[in-house]
Amino acid sequence: MPRADFYVLPAPEPEARSRFLVKLLEKILGLGRQLYIRVPNEAEMRQLDKLLWEYRADAFLPHSPLAEGLHSPIEIGYGDARPAHRDVFLNLCLELPDVALEFDRITEIVIQQPEVLDACRANYRRCQQADFEIHMNDMRPKTGS
């Protein structure tokens, strides 16, 4: 059964998403998975490419823009770009495209911004309707008792 993971962060800042993303990528690569990261546009693809190169001096996240055709373990694309594999689809866009439902896994990183929350709720419903096994990873502090 395909699986969808939603990581709900407590912060509203896009930087929180980026900080969590690089840690998540290390974990996914450690599991031997291939990953496609979909971003909204070319500028964000270039920005993410730069972030992954500069992440940490003692770390290496093997990646490339999908258009370069290098078939890296992490491929980054936008628009109608599609990798050859259908392993892990990490969505950094608001809308979850139909092609994502062809993957074994879908991953979303949720930050506390109204438009991101609304989009992720809609994406959650799409995954539910497509019979994905859904895992919520709520990383917000627990309140009350």
N, C-alpha and C. Protein backbone atom coordinates (compact mmCIF):
# COMPACT_ATOMS: atom_id res chain seq x y z
N MET A 1 0.84 -1.18 0.00
CA MET A 1 0.00 0.00 0.00
C MET A 1 0.89 1.25 0.00
N PRO A 2 0.58 2.22 -0.85
CA PRO A 2 1.37 3.46 -0.84
C PRO A 2 1.16 4.22 0.48
N ARG A 3 2.12 5.06 0.78
CA ARG A 3 2.13 5.75 2.08
C ARG A 3 2.35 7.24 1.88
N ALA A 4 1.69 8.03 2.72
CA ALA A 4 1.90 9.48 2.73
C ALA A 4 2.28 9.91 4.14
N ASP A 5 3.37 10.66 4.24
CA ASP A 5 3.84 11.18 5.52
C ASP A 5 3.70 12.69 5.53
N PHE A 6 3.05 13.20 6.57
CA PHE A 6 2.90 14.64 6.77
C PHE A 6 3.65 15.00 8.05
N TYR A 7 4.67 15.85 7.91
CA TYR A 7 5.46 16.32 9.05
C TYR A 7 4.98 17.72 9.39
N VAL A 8 4.32 17.86 10.54
CA VAL A 8 3.73 19.13 10.94
C VAL A 8 4.69 19.83 11.90
N LEU A 9 5.30 20.90 11.40
CA LEU A 9 6.26 21.67 12.20
C LEU A 9 5.53 22.75 12.99
N PRO A 10 6.09 23.17 14.11
CA PRO A 10 5.44 24.21 14.91
C PRO A 10 5.64 25.62 14.37
N ALA A 11 6.62 25.82 13.54
CA ALA A 11 7.01 27.17 13.09
C ALA A 11 6.29 27.58 11.81
N PRO A 12 6.13 28.90 11.63
CA PRO A 12 5.51 29.40 10.40
C PRO A 12 6.53 29.78 9.31
N GLU A 13 7.80 29.89 9.66
CA GLU A 13 8.81 30.39 8.72
C GLU A 13 9.23 29.34 7.69
N PRO A 14 9.35 29.77 6.43
CA PRO A 14 9.85 28.85 5.40
C PRO A 14 11.23 28.28 5.74
N GLU A 15 12.04 29.02 6.47
CA GLU A 15 13.37 28.52 6.85
C GLU A 15 13.27 27.27 7.72
N ALA A 16 12.22 27.18 8.53
CA ALA A 16 12.02 25.99 9.36
C ALA A 16 11.81 24.77 8.47
N ARG A 17 11.10 24.98 7.39
CA ARG A 17 10.86 23.91 6.42
C ARG A 17 12.18 23.45 5.80
N SER A 18 13.03 24.41 5.45
CA SER A 18 14.33 24.08 4.84
C SER A 18 15.23 23.34 5.83
N ARG A 19 15.25 23.80 7.08
CA ARG A 19 16.09 23.13 8.10
C ARG A 19 15.64 21.69 8.31
N PHE A 20 14.33 21.49 8.37
CA PHE A 20 13.82 20.14 8.56
C PHE A 20 14.06 19.29 7.31
N LEU A 21 13.90 19.89 6.16
CA LEU A 21 14.07 19.18 4.89
C LEU A 21 15.41 18.48 4.81
N VAL A 22 16.50 19.18 5.11
CA VAL A 22 17.82 18.56 4.96
C VAL A 22 18.00 17.38 5.91
N LYS A 23 17.45 17.47 7.10
CA LYS A 23 17.52 16.33 8.03
C LYS A 23 16.70 15.15 7.52
N LEU A 24 15.53 15.47 6.97
CA LEU A 24 14.67 14.42 6.42
C LEU A 24 15.33 13.75 5.22
N LEU A 25 16.00 14.52 4.38
CA LEU A 25 16.69 13.95 3.22
C LEU A 25 17.77 12.97 3.66
N GLU A 26 18.52 13.31 4.69
CA GLU A 26 19.54 12.39 5.20
C GLU A 26 18.91 11.07 5.63
N LYS A 27 17.78 11.17 6.32
CA LYS A 27 17.09 9.97 6.79
C LYS A 27 16.60 9.12 5.61
N ILE A 28 15.96 9.75 4.64
CA ILE A 28 15.43 9.02 3.49
C ILE A 28 16.55 8.36 2.70
N LEU A 29 17.66 9.08 2.49
CA LEU A 29 18.80 8.49 1.78
C LEU A 29 19.38 7.32 2.56
N GLY A 30 19.42 7.46 3.89
CA GLY A 30 19.92 6.39 4.74
C GLY A 30 19.11 5.10 4.61
N LEU A 31 17.87 5.24 4.19
CA LEU A 31 17.01 4.07 3.97
C LEU A 31 17.17 3.49 2.56
N GLY A 32 18.06 4.11 1.76
CA GLY A 32 18.32 3.62 0.41
C GLY A 32 17.24 3.97 -0.59
N ARG A 33 16.46 5.00 -0.30
CA ARG A 33 15.36 5.38 -1.18
C ARG A 33 15.82 6.42 -2.20
N GLN A 34 15.11 6.48 -3.32
CA GLN A 34 15.29 7.53 -4.31
C GLN A 34 14.22 8.58 -4.06
N LEU A 35 14.54 9.82 -4.36
CA LEU A 35 13.66 10.90 -3.98
C LEU A 35 13.52 11.92 -5.09
N TYR A 36 12.30 12.34 -5.32
CA TYR A 36 12.03 13.45 -6.23
C TYR A 36 11.42 14.57 -5.41
N ILE A 37 12.01 15.75 -5.47
CA ILE A 37 11.49 16.92 -4.78
C ILE A 37 10.89 17.85 -5.82
N ARG A 38 9.61 18.12 -5.66
CA ARG A 38 8.93 19.04 -6.59
C ARG A 38 8.82 20.41 -5.93
N VAL A 39 9.34 21.41 -6.63
CA VAL A 39 9.30 22.81 -6.18
C VAL A 39 8.45 23.62 -7.16
N PRO A 40 8.02 24.83 -6.75
CA PRO A 40 7.12 25.60 -7.61
C PRO A 40 7.70 26.10 -8.93
N ASN A 41 9.01 26.39 -8.98
CA ASN A 41 9.55 27.01 -10.19
C ASN A 41 11.07 26.84 -10.26
N GLU A 42 11.65 27.31 -11.36
CA GLU A 42 13.09 27.15 -11.57
C GLU A 42 13.92 27.90 -10.52
N ALA A 43 13.48 29.09 -10.15
CA ALA A 43 14.23 29.87 -9.14
C ALA A 43 14.31 29.10 -7.82
N GLU A 44 13.22 28.49 -7.40
CA GLU A 44 13.25 27.72 -6.15
C GLU A 44 14.05 26.43 -6.30
N MET A 45 14.07 25.87 -7.51
CA MET A 45 14.90 24.70 -7.75
C MET A 45 16.38 25.07 -7.57
N ARG A 46 16.79 26.19 -8.15
CA ARG A 46 18.18 26.64 -8.02
C ARG A 46 18.52 26.96 -6.56
N GLN A 47 17.58 27.57 -5.85
CA GLN A 47 17.80 27.89 -4.44
C GLN A 47 17.96 26.62 -3.60
N LEU A 48 17.13 25.61 -3.87
CA LEU A 48 17.25 24.35 -3.14
C LEU A 48 18.54 23.62 -3.51
N ASP A 49 18.91 23.65 -4.77
CA ASP A 49 20.17 23.05 -5.21
C ASP A 49 21.33 23.66 -4.42
N LYS A 50 21.33 24.97 -4.30
CA LYS A 50 22.38 25.67 -3.55
C LYS A 50 22.37 25.29 -2.07
N LEU A 51 21.17 25.24 -1.48
CA LEU A 51 21.04 24.86 -0.07
C LEU A 51 21.63 23.47 0.17
N LEU A 52 21.35 22.52 -0.71
CA LEU A 52 21.84 21.16 -0.51
C LEU A 52 23.35 21.06 -0.68
N TRP A 53 23.94 21.89 -1.55
CA TRP A 53 25.40 21.90 -1.69
C TRP A 53 26.06 22.50 -0.46
N GLU A 54 25.41 23.48 0.14
CA GLU A 54 26.02 24.22 1.25
C GLU A 54 25.55 23.74 2.61
N TYR A 55 24.76 22.70 2.67
CA TYR A 55 24.13 22.23 3.90
C TYR A 55 25.09 22.10 5.07
N ARG A 56 26.06 21.24 4.97
CA ARG A 56 27.06 21.06 6.03
C ARG A 56 28.36 20.62 5.38
N ALA A 57 29.46 21.11 5.91
CA ALA A 57 30.77 20.75 5.34
C ALA A 57 31.05 19.25 5.48
N ASP A 58 30.50 18.62 6.51
CA ASP A 58 30.78 17.20 6.75
C ASP A 58 29.68 16.28 6.20
N ALA A 59 28.79 16.82 5.38
CA ALA A 59 27.69 16.01 4.84
C ALA A 59 27.64 16.15 3.32
N PHE A 60 27.07 15.14 2.68
CA PHE A 60 26.89 15.20 1.24
C PHE A 60 25.51 14.64 0.92
N LEU A 61 24.69 15.45 0.29
CA LEU A 61 23.37 15.03 -0.15
C LEU A 61 23.41 14.97 -1.68
N PRO A 62 23.66 13.79 -2.25
CA PRO A 62 23.81 13.66 -3.70
C PRO A 62 22.51 14.02 -4.42
N HIS A 63 22.56 15.09 -5.18
CA HIS A 63 21.36 15.60 -5.81
C HIS A 63 21.69 16.28 -7.13
N SER A 64 20.65 16.52 -7.90
CA SER A 64 20.80 17.28 -9.15
C SER A 64 19.43 17.74 -9.61
N PRO A 65 19.41 18.83 -10.36
CA PRO A 65 18.15 19.20 -11.02
C PRO A 65 17.78 18.10 -12.01
N LEU A 66 16.52 17.73 -12.04
CA LEU A 66 16.06 16.65 -12.91
C LEU A 66 16.42 16.90 -14.36
N ALA A 67 16.35 18.14 -14.80
CA ALA A 67 16.62 18.49 -16.20
C ALA A 67 18.05 18.15 -16.63
N GLU A 68 18.96 18.01 -15.67
CA GLU A 68 20.35 17.68 -16.02
C GLU A 68 20.51 16.21 -16.40
N GLY A 69 19.52 15.37 -16.08
CA GLY A 69 19.55 13.97 -16.48
C GLY A 69 20.62 13.13 -15.81
N LEU A 70 21.06 13.48 -14.63
CA LEU A 70 22.14 12.75 -13.95
C LEU A 70 21.63 11.57 -13.12
N HIS A 71 20.34 11.47 -12.89
CA HIS A 71 19.73 10.39 -12.12
C HIS A 71 20.36 10.24 -10.73
N SER A 72 20.48 11.34 -10.02
CA SER A 72 21.00 11.34 -8.66
C SER A 72 19.97 10.73 -7.71
N PRO A 73 20.41 10.29 -6.53
CA PRO A 73 19.44 9.77 -5.54
C PRO A 73 18.36 10.81 -5.17
N ILE A 74 18.73 12.09 -5.21
CA ILE A 74 17.77 13.17 -4.98
C ILE A 74 17.71 13.99 -6.27
N GLU A 75 16.51 14.07 -6.85
CA GLU A 75 16.33 14.88 -8.05
C GLU A 75 15.32 15.98 -7.72
N ILE A 76 15.57 17.16 -8.26
CA ILE A 76 14.73 18.32 -7.99
C ILE A 76 14.12 18.79 -9.30
N GLY A 77 12.82 19.05 -9.30
CA GLY A 77 12.18 19.51 -10.51
C GLY A 77 10.96 20.37 -10.22
N TYR A 78 10.36 20.84 -11.29
CA TYR A 78 9.16 21.68 -11.18
C TYR A 78 8.31 21.47 -12.43
N GLY A 79 7.09 22.00 -12.38
CA GLY A 79 6.20 21.87 -13.53
C GLY A 79 5.87 20.43 -13.85
N ASP A 80 5.94 20.07 -15.12
CA ASP A 80 5.59 18.73 -15.57
C ASP A 80 6.75 17.74 -15.54
N ALA A 81 7.89 18.15 -14.99
CA ALA A 81 9.06 17.25 -14.92
C ALA A 81 8.71 16.01 -14.10
N ARG A 82 9.22 14.86 -14.56
CA ARG A 82 8.98 13.59 -13.88
C ARG A 82 10.24 12.75 -13.88
N PRO A 83 10.62 12.21 -12.74
CA PRO A 83 11.79 11.33 -12.71
C PRO A 83 11.44 9.96 -13.26
N ALA A 84 12.45 9.17 -13.54
CA ALA A 84 12.24 7.81 -14.04
C ALA A 84 11.66 6.90 -12.95
N HIS A 85 12.03 7.12 -11.70
CA HIS A 85 11.57 6.26 -10.59
C HIS A 85 10.21 6.75 -10.06
N ARG A 86 9.58 5.90 -9.26
CA ARG A 86 8.33 6.25 -8.59
C ARG A 86 8.45 5.84 -7.12
N ASP A 87 9.55 6.24 -6.48
CA ASP A 87 9.82 5.86 -5.10
C ASP A 87 9.22 6.88 -4.12
N VAL A 88 9.94 7.97 -3.83
CA VAL A 88 9.47 8.98 -2.87
C VAL A 88 9.28 10.31 -3.58
N PHE A 89 8.11 10.90 -3.39
CA PHE A 89 7.76 12.20 -3.95
C PHE A 89 7.63 13.17 -2.78
N LEU A 90 8.53 14.15 -2.71
CA LEU A 90 8.49 15.15 -1.66
C LEU A 90 7.94 16.44 -2.26
N ASN A 91 6.79 16.85 -1.79
CA ASN A 91 6.08 17.99 -2.36
C ASN A 91 6.38 19.27 -1.60
N LEU A 92 7.04 20.22 -2.25
CA LEU A 92 7.27 21.54 -1.66
C LEU A 92 6.40 22.60 -2.34
N CYS A 93 5.41 22.15 -3.10
CA CYS A 93 4.44 23.05 -3.73
C CYS A 93 3.17 23.02 -2.90
N LEU A 94 2.27 23.92 -3.19
CA LEU A 94 0.99 23.89 -2.48
C LEU A 94 0.12 22.74 -2.99
N GLU A 95 -0.01 22.63 -4.29
CA GLU A 95 -0.87 21.61 -4.89
C GLU A 95 -0.10 20.31 -5.07
N LEU A 96 -0.78 19.21 -4.80
CA LEU A 96 -0.21 17.89 -5.04
C LEU A 96 -0.64 17.44 -6.44
N PRO A 97 0.30 17.30 -7.38
CA PRO A 97 -0.07 16.94 -8.75
C PRO A 97 -0.51 15.47 -8.84
N ASP A 98 -1.25 15.16 -9.87
CA ASP A 98 -1.73 13.79 -10.08
C ASP A 98 -0.58 12.79 -10.13
N VAL A 99 0.55 13.17 -10.73
CA VAL A 99 1.67 12.24 -10.87
C VAL A 99 2.17 11.76 -9.50
N ALA A 100 2.02 12.56 -8.46
CA ALA A 100 2.47 12.17 -7.12
C ALA A 100 1.78 10.89 -6.66
N LEU A 101 0.54 10.69 -7.09
CA LEU A 101 -0.22 9.51 -6.67
C LEU A 101 0.30 8.22 -7.29
N GLU A 102 1.25 8.33 -8.21
CA GLU A 102 1.88 7.15 -8.82
C GLU A 102 3.07 6.66 -8.01
N PHE A 103 3.51 7.42 -7.01
CA PHE A 103 4.69 7.10 -6.23
C PHE A 103 4.34 6.17 -5.06
N ASP A 104 5.36 5.45 -4.57
CA ASP A 104 5.18 4.58 -3.41
C ASP A 104 4.97 5.40 -2.14
N ARG A 105 5.63 6.56 -2.09
CA ARG A 105 5.52 7.42 -0.91
C ARG A 105 5.39 8.87 -1.33
N ILE A 106 4.58 9.59 -0.55
CA ILE A 106 4.46 11.03 -0.69
C ILE A 106 4.83 11.63 0.65
N THR A 107 5.60 12.71 0.62
CA THR A 107 6.01 13.39 1.84
C THR A 107 5.69 14.87 1.71
N GLU A 108 5.11 15.43 2.78
CA GLU A 108 4.82 16.86 2.85
C GLU A 108 5.38 17.40 4.16
N ILE A 109 5.97 18.58 4.09
CA ILE A 109 6.45 19.26 5.29
C ILE A 109 5.53 20.46 5.50
N VAL A 110 4.81 20.44 6.60
CA VAL A 110 3.76 21.42 6.86
C VAL A 110 4.28 22.47 7.84
N ILE A 111 4.19 23.74 7.44
CA ILE A 111 4.53 24.83 8.37
C ILE A 111 3.24 25.58 8.69
N GLN A 112 3.29 26.37 9.73
CA GLN A 112 2.10 27.04 10.24
C GLN A 112 1.82 28.36 9.52
N GLN A 113 1.53 28.25 8.24
CA GLN A 113 1.08 29.39 7.43
C GLN A 113 -0.27 29.00 6.85
N PRO A 114 -1.24 29.90 6.90
CA PRO A 114 -2.60 29.55 6.46
C PRO A 114 -2.67 28.91 5.08
N GLU A 115 -1.98 29.45 4.10
CA GLU A 115 -2.09 28.85 2.75
C GLU A 115 -1.44 27.48 2.68
N VAL A 116 -0.35 27.28 3.41
CA VAL A 116 0.30 25.96 3.44
C VAL A 116 -0.59 24.96 4.17
N LEU A 117 -1.17 25.38 5.29
CA LEU A 117 -2.06 24.49 6.04
C LEU A 117 -3.27 24.08 5.20
N ASP A 118 -3.89 25.04 4.52
CA ASP A 118 -5.05 24.73 3.67
C ASP A 118 -4.67 23.76 2.55
N ALA A 119 -3.54 24.03 1.91
CA ALA A 119 -3.09 23.17 0.81
C ALA A 119 -2.79 21.76 1.31
N CYS A 120 -2.12 21.65 2.44
CA CYS A 120 -1.77 20.33 2.97
C CYS A 120 -3.01 19.55 3.41
N ARG A 121 -4.02 20.26 3.91
CA ARG A 121 -5.28 19.58 4.24
C ARG A 121 -5.91 18.99 2.98
N ALA A 122 -5.92 19.77 1.90
CA ALA A 122 -6.46 19.29 0.62
C ALA A 122 -5.63 18.11 0.12
N ASN A 123 -4.31 18.19 0.24
CA ASN A 123 -3.43 17.10 -0.20
C ASN A 123 -3.64 15.85 0.64
N TYR A 124 -3.89 16.03 1.93
CA TYR A 124 -4.19 14.92 2.83
C TYR A 124 -5.45 14.20 2.34
N ARG A 125 -6.48 14.96 2.02
CA ARG A 125 -7.73 14.37 1.53
C ARG A 125 -7.51 13.62 0.22
N ARG A 126 -6.70 14.18 -0.68
CA ARG A 126 -6.40 13.49 -1.94
C ARG A 126 -5.72 12.14 -1.69
N CYS A 127 -4.77 12.14 -0.77
CA CYS A 127 -4.07 10.89 -0.44
C CYS A 127 -5.03 9.88 0.19
N GLN A 128 -5.91 10.37 1.05
CA GLN A 128 -6.91 9.50 1.66
C GLN A 128 -7.80 8.87 0.60
N GLN A 129 -8.28 9.68 -0.33
CA GLN A 129 -9.16 9.20 -1.39
C GLN A 129 -8.45 8.22 -2.32
N ALA A 130 -7.13 8.35 -2.43
CA ALA A 130 -6.34 7.45 -3.28
C ALA A 130 -5.86 6.21 -2.51
N ASP A 131 -6.39 6.01 -1.31
CA ASP A 131 -6.07 4.85 -0.46
C ASP A 131 -4.62 4.75 -0.03
N PHE A 132 -4.00 5.90 0.23
CA PHE A 132 -2.66 5.90 0.81
C PHE A 132 -2.78 5.64 2.31
N GLU A 133 -1.82 4.92 2.85
CA GLU A 133 -1.70 4.78 4.30
C GLU A 133 -1.09 6.10 4.79
N ILE A 134 -1.79 6.81 5.64
CA ILE A 134 -1.36 8.16 6.04
C ILE A 134 -0.74 8.14 7.43
N HIS A 135 0.41 8.81 7.54
CA HIS A 135 1.10 8.94 8.82
C HIS A 135 1.27 10.43 9.13
N MET A 136 0.72 10.84 10.25
CA MET A 136 0.88 12.22 10.71
C MET A 136 2.02 12.25 11.71
N ASN A 137 2.97 13.12 11.48
CA ASN A 137 4.12 13.28 12.36
C ASN A 137 4.05 14.70 12.90
N ASP A 138 3.29 14.86 13.98
CA ASP A 138 3.04 16.17 14.56
C ASP A 138 4.20 16.53 15.48
N MET A 139 4.98 17.52 15.07
CA MET A 139 6.17 17.89 15.80
C MET A 139 5.96 19.14 16.67
N ARG A 140 4.70 19.54 16.79
CA ARG A 140 4.38 20.69 17.64
C ARG A 140 4.41 20.25 19.10
N PRO A 141 4.78 21.16 19.99
CA PRO A 141 4.79 20.81 21.42
C PRO A 141 3.39 20.43 21.89
N LYS A 142 3.32 19.45 22.74
CA LYS A 142 2.05 19.02 23.32
C LYS A 142 1.64 20.02 24.40
N THR A 143 0.36 20.38 24.42
CA THR A 143 -0.12 21.32 25.43
C THR A 143 -1.19 20.65 26.28
N GLY A 144 -1.32 21.13 27.52
CA GLY A 144 -2.36 20.65 28.42
C GLY A 144 -2.14 19.23 28.86
N SER A 145 -3.10 18.73 29.62
CA SER A 145 -3.02 17.34 30.07
C SER A 145 -4.36 16.67 30.02
